Each structure stands twice: as C-alpha cells, then as structure tokens.
C-alpha cells in the first residue's frame, strides 16, 4: 500500500512541539511532539516506526531524542518485542534475558525507535552521553567482580542527579534515539527499583524496538519466537529501497 511522504513541517502544523526537553551533560536535547488524540488514526500519525525514522532523519540528527507521548502503537515489522526477562527464558539472547544492559548503540549510525502501548512497570531505558558510557566501562574494568546489575544499582540514580543521564521509555508512545557520532548517545535497559523489590516480576508491557538494519538482517535472530505476526513484506521492501537510495549499508 502506498503511503505518501511527510515532513516535520507537516507534523508541526498539526501538533504542539517542544524543543530542548532535556539537558544532558550541559547541552539541550530532545524534541517532544504532542499529537492531538483526534489525529491518532490519521496519516501520518498512524504510520509505522520506519516511516518516522526515515522522514525525520534531520530532526533525529539535530535533537538526538524525539518523543511522541501517547501515540498508539503500530507494531508493523518490529525487530524485537522485549518483555520481562522471565518471559524470554527460552532465549539465549542477553538483550532479552538480562535485567540490565551495558551502555550501547544499536546499529550506529542508524537511529532506533522504541514504542510502548502501555506503561512499563519494572524496566526503563537509561540514556546517557559518551562521558557516562565511558565512565561505566572504566568502572567495569576496574571492578570486574561487579555485575552489570550492580553497576546500574550504583550509577543510574547518581548519574540522573548529576545530569549525565536520563531515564526514558516508561510511558506509552514512540521514542526515537539517534545512534550517530553527532550526539554520541548511548542507552541500556535498566531494572527499576520496583522490579528489584517485587517478588512477582514475571511480566511487563512489551517494549517494541525498530531499526532498519535489524529489520533487514537479524529480525529472526533477535528472538527465535518472533513469528510472522505484524510482518508486512511490502513495508519491508520500502525500507530496503530507502536504504539503497540513501547509500546506506543494507
């Protein structure tokens, strides 16, 4: 099905846009786009994550973080639906089974989108600049006896207080992160205190992840039980054509 292209100006004409939503390492980041509920089912606001990734490349590069709070989930061609670790006990992929992750970029320099249909109760995305990421890995080398979870316990709250990190991706809506050298942002799944204290943490809201490289190359490797649900071959082909036109790795 053909979907007409759109621009940031098209979106801004219909929405309330807030810039510089976050301060990280002394610099302003973030573009928050509030879409009127009456437009949720209308183009382009019902587009796939890949449409947003491609049409908003300039703004992603400029602002590093783009949020569409409350935008209803479109799971078309998701690369990963990340639930609570216990729900992925069948998997050997640490992206699915670990409570906490080391800071990373998914597929640099290509951006990543995360989409939630409901609040996450037990997990969030810890976003940081390169300074905090380098500090994390330095501490990991100096204290090899500490687990990644223990390092998160020591540093997530502290880095938030210092202004060297953010805690995002907990409320419904679409979140887009730049993975390029320009913004030098890193992210990691982190376990909230409620998860560490709750004895019944066995499920959580699925966090859907999207990126072009993942869609074209390792969509099935990320989760062996990914299945065919929400796959759209025509939409996948449009992603491949976009990457080819842009001269991107594909």
C-alpha atoms as a PDB file:
ATOM      1  CA  UNK A   1       0.000   0.000   0.000  1.00  0.00           C
ATOM      2  CA  UNK A   2       1.423   3.392  -1.000  1.00  0.00           C
ATOM      3  CA  UNK A   3       1.948   5.810   1.875  1.00  0.00           C
ATOM      4  CA  UNK A   4       2.571   9.464   0.952  1.00  0.00           C
ATOM      5  CA  UNK A   5       5.728  11.020   2.330  1.00  0.00           C
ATOM      6  CA  UNK A   6       5.521  13.628   5.045  1.00  0.00           C
ATOM      7  CA  UNK A   7       7.864  16.143   6.612  1.00  0.00           C
ATOM      8  CA  UNK A   8       8.476  17.545  10.060  1.00  0.00           C
ATOM      9  CA  UNK A   9       6.715  20.725   8.933  1.00  0.00           C
ATOM     10  CA  UNK A  10       3.595  18.667   8.182  1.00  0.00           C
ATOM     11  CA  UNK A  11       3.685  17.279  11.717  1.00  0.00           C
ATOM     12  CA  UNK A  12       4.461  20.618  13.366  1.00  0.00           C
ATOM     13  CA  UNK A  13       1.475  22.220  11.640  1.00  0.00           C
ATOM     14  CA  UNK A  14      -0.864  19.846  13.477  1.00  0.00           C
ATOM     15  CA  UNK A  15       0.902  19.302  16.812  1.00  0.00           C
ATOM     16  CA  UNK A  16       2.367  21.037  19.817  1.00  0.00           C
ATOM     17  CA  UNK A  17       6.154  20.784  19.526  1.00  0.00           C
ATOM     18  CA  UNK A  18       8.542  21.363  22.425  1.00  0.00           C
ATOM     19  CA  UNK A  19      12.281  21.624  21.818  1.00  0.00           C
ATOM     20  CA  UNK A  20      15.167  21.222  24.233  1.00  0.00           C
ATOM     21  CA  UNK A  21      13.179  18.977  26.582  1.00  0.00           C
ATOM     22  CA  UNK A  22      16.264  17.552  28.286  1.00  0.00           C
ATOM     23  CA  UNK A  23      19.625  18.778  29.488  1.00  0.00           C
ATOM     24  CA  UNK A  24      22.342  16.164  29.280  1.00  0.00           C
ATOM     25  CA  UNK A  25      25.973  16.913  30.047  1.00  0.00           C
ATOM     26  CA  UNK A  26      25.136  20.615  29.890  1.00  0.00           C
ATOM     27  CA  UNK A  27      23.527  20.572  26.433  1.00  0.00           C
ATOM     28  CA  UNK A  28      19.908  20.710  25.396  1.00  0.00           C
ATOM     29  CA  UNK A  29      18.442  17.693  23.627  1.00  0.00           C
ATOM     30  CA  UNK A  30      15.034  16.398  22.771  1.00  0.00           C
ATOM     31  CA  UNK A  31      12.044  17.146  20.611  1.00  0.00           C
ATOM     32  CA  UNK A  32       8.624  16.322  22.079  1.00  0.00           C
ATOM     33  CA  UNK A  33       5.667  16.163  19.717  1.00  0.00           C
ATOM     34  CA  UNK A  34       2.173  16.092  21.240  1.00  0.00           C
ATOM     35  CA  UNK A  35      -0.256  14.700  18.676  1.00  0.00           C
ATOM     36  CA  UNK A  36      -3.926  15.616  19.235  1.00  0.00           C
ATOM     37  CA  UNK A  37      -5.890  12.488  20.092  1.00  0.00           C
ATOM     38  CA  UNK A  38      -8.333  13.194  17.269  1.00  0.00           C
ATOM     39  CA  UNK A  39      -5.457  12.729  14.786  1.00  0.00           C
ATOM     40  CA  UNK A  40      -4.085   9.459  16.169  1.00  0.00           C
ATOM     41  CA  UNK A  41      -5.733   7.404  13.442  1.00  0.00           C
ATOM     42  CA  UNK A  42      -4.832   9.782  10.618  1.00  0.00           C
ATOM     43  CA  UNK A  43      -1.825   9.833   8.309  1.00  0.00           C
ATOM     44  CA  UNK A  44       0.983  10.419   9.102  1.00  0.00           C
ATOM     45  CA  UNK A  45       0.354   9.797  12.792  1.00  0.00           C
ATOM     46  CA  UNK A  46      -0.693   6.194  12.212  1.00  0.00           C
ATOM     47  CA  UNK A  47       2.483   5.498  10.225  1.00  0.00           C
ATOM     48  CA  UNK A  48       4.956   2.751  11.027  1.00  0.00           C
ATOM     49  CA  UNK A  49       8.050   3.421  13.109  1.00  0.00           C
ATOM     50  CA  UNK A  50      10.146   3.162   9.938  1.00  0.00           C
ATOM     51  CA  UNK A  51       8.210   5.989   8.308  1.00  0.00           C
ATOM     52  CA  UNK A  52       9.060   8.205  11.288  1.00  0.00           C
ATOM     53  CA  UNK A  53      12.695   7.053  11.299  1.00  0.00           C
ATOM     54  CA  UNK A  54      13.088   7.919   7.631  1.00  0.00           C
ATOM     55  CA  UNK A  55      11.031  11.101   7.344  1.00  0.00           C
ATOM     56  CA  UNK A  56      12.517  12.676  10.477  1.00  0.00           C
ATOM     57  CA  UNK A  57      16.204  11.855   9.894  1.00  0.00           C
ATOM     58  CA  UNK A  58      17.224  15.531  10.007  1.00  0.00           C
ATOM     59  CA  UNK A  59      15.395  16.184  13.286  1.00  0.00           C
ATOM     60  CA  UNK A  60      16.713  12.981  14.860  1.00  0.00           C
ATOM     61  CA  UNK A  61      20.249  14.044  13.994  1.00  0.00           C
ATOM     62  CA  UNK A  62      19.665  17.574  15.277  1.00  0.00           C
ATOM     63  CA  UNK A  63      17.870  16.820  18.560  1.00  0.00           C
ATOM     64  CA  UNK A  64      19.097  13.313  19.412  1.00  0.00           C
ATOM     65  CA  UNK A  65      15.824  12.309  21.063  1.00  0.00           C
ATOM     66  CA  UNK A  66      12.305  12.544  19.633  1.00  0.00           C
ATOM     67  CA  UNK A  67       9.215  11.626  21.625  1.00  0.00           C
ATOM     68  CA  UNK A  68       5.580  11.204  20.610  1.00  0.00           C
ATOM     69  CA  UNK A  69       3.894  10.782  24.021  1.00  0.00           C
ATOM     70  CA  UNK A  70       0.810   8.598  23.981  1.00  0.00           C
ATOM     71  CA  UNK A  71       0.945   7.837  20.256  1.00  0.00           C
ATOM     72  CA  UNK A  72      -0.827   4.469  19.734  1.00  0.00           C
ATOM     73  CA  UNK A  73       1.484   1.572  18.944  1.00  0.00           C
ATOM     74  CA  UNK A  74       1.951   0.480  15.343  1.00  0.00           C
ATOM     75  CA  UNK A  75       3.907  -2.804  15.628  1.00  0.00           C
ATOM     76  CA  UNK A  76       4.421  -3.305  11.883  1.00  0.00           C
ATOM     77  CA  UNK A  77       7.757  -5.049  11.254  1.00  0.00           C
ATOM     78  CA  UNK A  78       9.082  -4.651  14.776  1.00  0.00           C
ATOM     79  CA  UNK A  79      12.530  -6.190  15.273  1.00  0.00           C
ATOM     80  CA  UNK A  80      12.088  -7.072  18.924  1.00  0.00           C
ATOM     81  CA  UNK A  81       9.279  -7.173  21.491  1.00  0.00           C
ATOM     82  CA  UNK A  82      11.139  -7.009  24.781  1.00  0.00           C
ATOM     83  CA  UNK A  83       9.182  -8.267  27.771  1.00  0.00           C
ATOM     84  CA  UNK A  84      10.301  -9.142  31.291  1.00  0.00           C
ATOM     85  CA  UNK A  85      13.349 -11.475  31.263  1.00  0.00           C
ATOM     86  CA  UNK A  86      11.352 -14.382  32.659  1.00  0.00           C
ATOM     87  CA  UNK A  87       9.128 -14.249  29.606  1.00  0.00           C
ATOM     88  CA  UNK A  88      12.184 -14.907  27.421  1.00  0.00           C
ATOM     89  CA  UNK A  89      13.597 -17.836  29.401  1.00  0.00           C
ATOM     90  CA  UNK A  90      13.666 -19.876  26.175  1.00  0.00           C
ATOM     91  CA  UNK A  91      16.200 -17.469  24.626  1.00  0.00           C
ATOM     92  CA  UNK A  92      19.996 -17.237  24.816  1.00  0.00           C
ATOM     93  CA  UNK A  93      19.951 -13.602  23.709  1.00  0.00           C
ATOM     94  CA  UNK A  94      21.060 -11.346  26.604  1.00  0.00           C
ATOM     95  CA  UNK A  95      19.092  -8.434  25.110  1.00  0.00           C
ATOM     96  CA  UNK A  96      16.018 -10.426  26.078  1.00  0.00           C
ATOM     97  CA  UNK A  97      17.109 -12.192  29.250  1.00  0.00           C
ATOM     98  CA  UNK A  98      19.212  -9.643  31.166  1.00  0.00           C
ATOM     99  CA  UNK A  99      17.614  -7.303  33.697  1.00  0.00           C
ATOM    100  CA  UNK A 100      20.233  -4.634  32.923  1.00  0.00           C
ATOM    101  CA  UNK A 101      22.468  -3.965  29.930  1.00  0.00           C
ATOM    102  CA  UNK A 102      25.808  -2.311  29.393  1.00  0.00           C
ATOM    103  CA  UNK A 103      25.545   1.043  27.555  1.00  0.00           C
ATOM    104  CA  UNK A 104      25.490   0.601  23.802  1.00  0.00           C
ATOM    105  CA  UNK A 105      24.257   1.909  20.463  1.00  0.00           C
ATOM    106  CA  UNK A 106      22.069  -0.477  18.497  1.00  0.00           C
ATOM    107  CA  UNK A 107      23.054  -0.035  14.852  1.00  0.00           C
ATOM    108  CA  UNK A 108      25.199   3.096  14.538  1.00  0.00           C
ATOM    109  CA  UNK A 109      24.778   5.422  12.780  1.00  0.00           C
ATOM    110  CA  UNK A 110      21.165   4.405  12.112  1.00  0.00           C
ATOM    111  CA  UNK A 111      18.567   5.553  14.663  1.00  0.00           C
ATOM    112  CA  UNK A 112      16.435   3.276  16.821  1.00  0.00           C
ATOM    113  CA  UNK A 113      12.757   3.551  17.713  1.00  0.00           C
ATOM    114  CA  UNK A 114      11.069   2.175  20.821  1.00  0.00           C
ATOM    115  CA  UNK A 115       7.286   2.013  21.173  1.00  0.00           C
ATOM    116  CA  UNK A 116       5.104   1.273  24.192  1.00  0.00           C
ATOM    117  CA  UNK A 117       1.369   0.617  24.196  1.00  0.00           C
ATOM    118  CA  UNK A 118       1.074   0.925  28.000  1.00  0.00           C
ATOM    119  CA  UNK A 119       3.304   1.942  30.932  1.00  0.00           C
ATOM    120  CA  UNK A 120       6.263  -0.255  31.774  1.00  0.00           C
ATOM    121  CA  UNK A 121       6.198  -1.164  35.435  1.00  0.00           C
ATOM    122  CA  UNK A 122       9.603  -2.691  36.022  1.00  0.00           C
ATOM    123  CA  UNK A 123      12.015  -1.534  33.319  1.00  0.00           C
ATOM    124  CA  UNK A 124      13.117   1.654  31.560  1.00  0.00           C
ATOM    125  CA  UNK A 125      15.738   2.867  29.094  1.00  0.00           C
ATOM    126  CA  UNK A 126      18.785   4.516  30.647  1.00  0.00           C
ATOM    127  CA  UNK A 127      20.044   7.120  28.148  1.00  0.00           C
ATOM    128  CA  UNK A 128      23.417   8.805  28.572  1.00  0.00           C
ATOM    129  CA  UNK A 129      26.130  10.723  26.777  1.00  0.00           C
ATOM    130  CA  UNK A 130      29.557   9.330  25.959  1.00  0.00           C
ATOM    131  CA  UNK A 131      31.057  10.608  29.225  1.00  0.00           C
ATOM    132  CA  UNK A 132      28.824   8.417  31.376  1.00  0.00           C
ATOM    133  CA  UNK A 133      29.205   5.490  28.997  1.00  0.00           C
ATOM    134  CA  UNK A 134      32.992   5.748  29.182  1.00  0.00           C
ATOM    135  CA  UNK A 135      32.817   6.012  32.966  1.00  0.00           C
ATOM    136  CA  UNK A 136      30.653   2.888  33.107  1.00  0.00           C
ATOM    137  CA  UNK A 137      33.131   0.845  31.095  1.00  0.00           C
ATOM    138  CA  UNK A 138      36.063   2.218  33.066  1.00  0.00           C
ATOM    139  CA  UNK A 139      34.410   1.179  36.321  1.00  0.00           C
ATOM    140  CA  UNK A 140      33.578  -2.190  34.853  1.00  0.00           C
ATOM    141  CA  UNK A 141      37.250  -2.705  34.066  1.00  0.00           C
ATOM    142  CA  UNK A 142      38.367  -1.530  37.490  1.00  0.00           C
ATOM    143  CA  UNK A 143      35.809  -3.660  39.361  1.00  0.00           C
ATOM    144  CA  UNK A 144      35.360  -6.844  37.314  1.00  0.00           C
ATOM    145  CA  UNK A 145      33.774  -8.565  40.294  1.00  0.00           C
ATOM    146  CA  UNK A 146      30.712  -6.337  39.978  1.00  0.00           C
ATOM    147  CA  UNK A 147      27.845  -7.420  37.742  1.00  0.00           C
ATOM    148  CA  UNK A 148      26.195  -5.102  35.241  1.00  0.00           C
ATOM    149  CA  UNK A 149      23.160  -5.074  37.535  1.00  0.00           C
ATOM    150  CA  UNK A 150      25.314  -3.935  40.461  1.00  0.00           C
ATOM    151  CA  UNK A 151      26.843  -1.142  38.394  1.00  0.00           C
ATOM    152  CA  UNK A 152      23.365   0.029  37.456  1.00  0.00           C
ATOM    153  CA  UNK A 153      22.380  -0.002  41.114  1.00  0.00           C
ATOM    154  CA  UNK A 154      25.358   2.228  41.906  1.00  0.00           C
ATOM    155  CA  UNK A 155      25.195   4.614  38.977  1.00  0.00           C
ATOM    156  CA  UNK A 156      21.724   5.057  37.489  1.00  0.00           C
ATOM    157  CA  UNK A 157      20.344   7.225  40.298  1.00  0.00           C
ATOM    158  CA  UNK A 158      23.654   9.034  40.764  1.00  0.00           C
ATOM    159  CA  UNK A 159      24.025   9.889  37.083  1.00  0.00           C
ATOM    160  CA  UNK A 160      20.430  11.148  36.953  1.00  0.00           C
ATOM    161  CA  UNK A 161      21.197  13.502  39.835  1.00  0.00           C
ATOM    162  CA  UNK A 162      24.398  14.659  38.140  1.00  0.00           C
ATOM    163  CA  UNK A 163      22.595  15.401  34.880  1.00  0.00           C
ATOM    164  CA  UNK A 164      24.694  12.903  32.948  1.00  0.00           C
ATOM    165  CA  UNK A 165      21.831  10.550  32.106  1.00  0.00           C
ATOM    166  CA  UNK A 166      18.086  10.293  31.551  1.00  0.00           C
ATOM    167  CA  UNK A 167      15.501   7.621  32.360  1.00  0.00           C
ATOM    168  CA  UNK A 168      13.090   7.262  29.428  1.00  0.00           C
ATOM    169  CA  UNK A 169      10.774   4.823  27.704  1.00  0.00           C
ATOM    170  CA  UNK A 170       8.404   4.096  30.576  1.00  0.00           C
ATOM    171  CA  UNK A 171       5.156   5.678  29.378  1.00  0.00           C
ATOM    172  CA  UNK A 172       3.074   4.892  26.251  1.00  0.00           C
ATOM    173  CA  UNK A 173       4.221   6.402  22.994  1.00  0.00           C
ATOM    174  CA  UNK A 174       7.026   6.425  20.462  1.00  0.00           C
ATOM    175  CA  UNK A 175      10.634   7.214  21.404  1.00  0.00           C
ATOM    176  CA  UNK A 176      13.376   7.684  18.789  1.00  0.00           C
ATOM    177  CA  UNK A 177      17.088   7.786  19.653  1.00  0.00           C
ATOM    178  CA  UNK A 178      19.985   8.918  17.498  1.00  0.00           C
ATOM    179  CA  UNK A 179      22.823   6.398  17.310  1.00  0.00           C
ATOM    180  CA  UNK A 180      25.243   8.577  15.368  1.00  0.00           C
ATOM    181  CA  UNK A 181      28.552  10.075  16.456  1.00  0.00           C
ATOM    182  CA  UNK A 182      26.951  13.509  16.272  1.00  0.00           C
ATOM    183  CA  UNK A 183      25.020  13.206  19.525  1.00  0.00           C
ATOM    184  CA  UNK A 184      27.116  10.364  20.999  1.00  0.00           C
ATOM    185  CA  UNK A 185      24.160   8.960  22.891  1.00  0.00           C
ATOM    186  CA  UNK A 186      24.156   5.514  24.447  1.00  0.00           C
ATOM    187  CA  UNK A 187      21.379   3.576  26.079  1.00  0.00           C
ATOM    188  CA  UNK A 188      20.763   0.498  28.170  1.00  0.00           C
ATOM    189  CA  UNK A 189      17.840  -1.383  29.598  1.00  0.00           C
ATOM    190  CA  UNK A 190      17.696  -0.892  33.344  1.00  0.00           C
ATOM    191  CA  UNK A 191      15.681  -2.508  36.091  1.00  0.00           C
ATOM    192  CA  UNK A 192      13.628  -0.125  38.198  1.00  0.00           C
ATOM    193  CA  UNK A 193      13.653  -0.388  41.980  1.00  0.00           C
ATOM    194  CA  UNK A 194      10.116  -1.788  41.830  1.00  0.00           C
ATOM    195  CA  UNK A 195      11.420  -4.720  39.782  1.00  0.00           C
ATOM    196  CA  UNK A 196      14.235  -5.407  42.197  1.00  0.00           C
ATOM    197  CA  UNK A 197      11.852  -5.459  45.134  1.00  0.00           C
ATOM    198  CA  UNK A 198       8.871  -7.230  43.605  1.00  0.00           C
ATOM    199  CA  UNK A 199       8.730 -10.970  44.092  1.00  0.00           C
ATOM    200  CA  UNK A 200       6.207 -11.403  41.278  1.00  0.00           C
ATOM    201  CA  UNK A 201       8.077  -9.739  38.419  1.00  0.00           C
ATOM    202  CA  UNK A 202       7.211 -12.225  35.747  1.00  0.00           C
ATOM    203  CA  UNK A 203       5.719  -9.989  33.067  1.00  0.00           C
ATOM    204  CA  UNK A 204       5.834  -6.427  31.821  1.00  0.00           C
ATOM    205  CA  UNK A 205       4.483  -4.342  28.957  1.00  0.00           C
ATOM    206  CA  UNK A 206       6.186  -5.417  25.710  1.00  0.00           C
ATOM    207  CA  UNK A 207       8.636  -2.773  24.540  1.00  0.00           C
ATOM    208  CA  UNK A 208       8.719  -2.868  20.743  1.00  0.00           C
ATOM    209  CA  UNK A 209      12.019  -1.958  19.083  1.00  0.00           C
ATOM    210  CA  UNK A 210      12.579  -0.952  15.465  1.00  0.00           C
ATOM    211  CA  UNK A 211      15.612  -0.234  13.289  1.00  0.00           C
ATOM    212  CA  UNK A 212      16.261  -0.665   9.608  1.00  0.00           C
ATOM    213  CA  UNK A 213      19.375  -2.822   9.898  1.00  0.00           C
ATOM    214  CA  UNK A 214      17.613  -5.156  12.313  1.00  0.00           C
ATOM    215  CA  UNK A 215      14.603  -5.463  10.054  1.00  0.00           C
ATOM    216  CA  UNK A 216      16.710  -6.378   7.026  1.00  0.00           C
ATOM    217  CA  UNK A 217      19.304  -8.615   8.667  1.00  0.00           C
ATOM    218  CA  UNK A 218      18.568 -10.077  12.078  1.00  0.00           C
ATOM    219  CA  UNK A 219      14.871  -9.815  12.773  1.00  0.00           C
ATOM    220  CA  UNK A 220      14.677 -13.588  13.457  1.00  0.00           C
ATOM    221  CA  UNK A 221      17.991 -13.831  15.274  1.00  0.00           C
ATOM    222  CA  UNK A 222      16.904 -11.315  17.905  1.00  0.00           C
ATOM    223  CA  UNK A 223      14.104 -13.569  19.104  1.00  0.00           C
ATOM    224  CA  UNK A 224      13.689 -17.158  17.953  1.00  0.00           C
ATOM    225  CA  UNK A 225       9.958 -16.879  18.645  1.00  0.00           C
ATOM    226  CA  UNK A 226       9.467 -13.655  16.737  1.00  0.00           C
ATOM    227  CA  UNK A 227       6.922 -15.258  14.430  1.00  0.00           C
ATOM    228  CA  UNK A 228       5.097 -13.764  11.461  1.00  0.00           C
ATOM    229  CA  UNK A 229       2.679 -11.533  13.345  1.00  0.00           C
ATOM    230  CA  UNK A 230       2.722  -7.881  12.259  1.00  0.00           C
ATOM    231  CA  UNK A 231       5.071  -8.581   9.343  1.00  0.00           C
ATOM    232  CA  UNK A 232       4.470  -6.623   6.166  1.00  0.00           C
ATOM    233  CA  UNK A 233       6.590  -7.632   3.171  1.00  0.00           C
ATOM    234  CA  UNK A 234       5.747  -4.510   1.167  1.00  0.00           C
ATOM    235  CA  UNK A 235       6.685  -2.225   4.044  1.00  0.00           C
ATOM    236  CA  UNK A 236       9.938  -4.144   4.498  1.00  0.00           C
ATOM    237  CA  UNK A 237      10.704  -3.669   0.812  1.00  0.00           C
ATOM    238  CA  UNK A 238      10.186   0.085   1.192  1.00  0.00           C
ATOM    239  CA  UNK A 239      12.760   0.075   3.989  1.00  0.00           C
ATOM    240  CA  UNK A 240      15.230  -1.791   1.769  1.00  0.00           C
ATOM    241  CA  UNK A 241      14.630   0.660  -1.077  1.00  0.00           C
ATOM    242  CA  UNK A 242      15.126   3.627   1.239  1.00  0.00           C
ATOM    243  CA  UNK A 243      18.460   2.290   2.446  1.00  0.00           C
ATOM    244  CA  UNK A 244      19.558   1.614  -1.117  1.00  0.00           C
ATOM    245  CA  UNK A 245      18.603   5.140  -2.243  1.00  0.00           C
ATOM    246  CA  UNK A 246      20.458   6.690   0.660  1.00  0.00           C
ATOM    247  CA  UNK A 247      23.538   4.545   0.029  1.00  0.00           C
ATOM    248  CA  UNK A 248      23.226   3.000   3.460  1.00  0.00           C
ATOM    249  CA  UNK A 249      24.582  -0.387   4.391  1.00  0.00           C
ATOM    250  CA  UNK A 250      21.972  -2.941   3.563  1.00  0.00           C
END
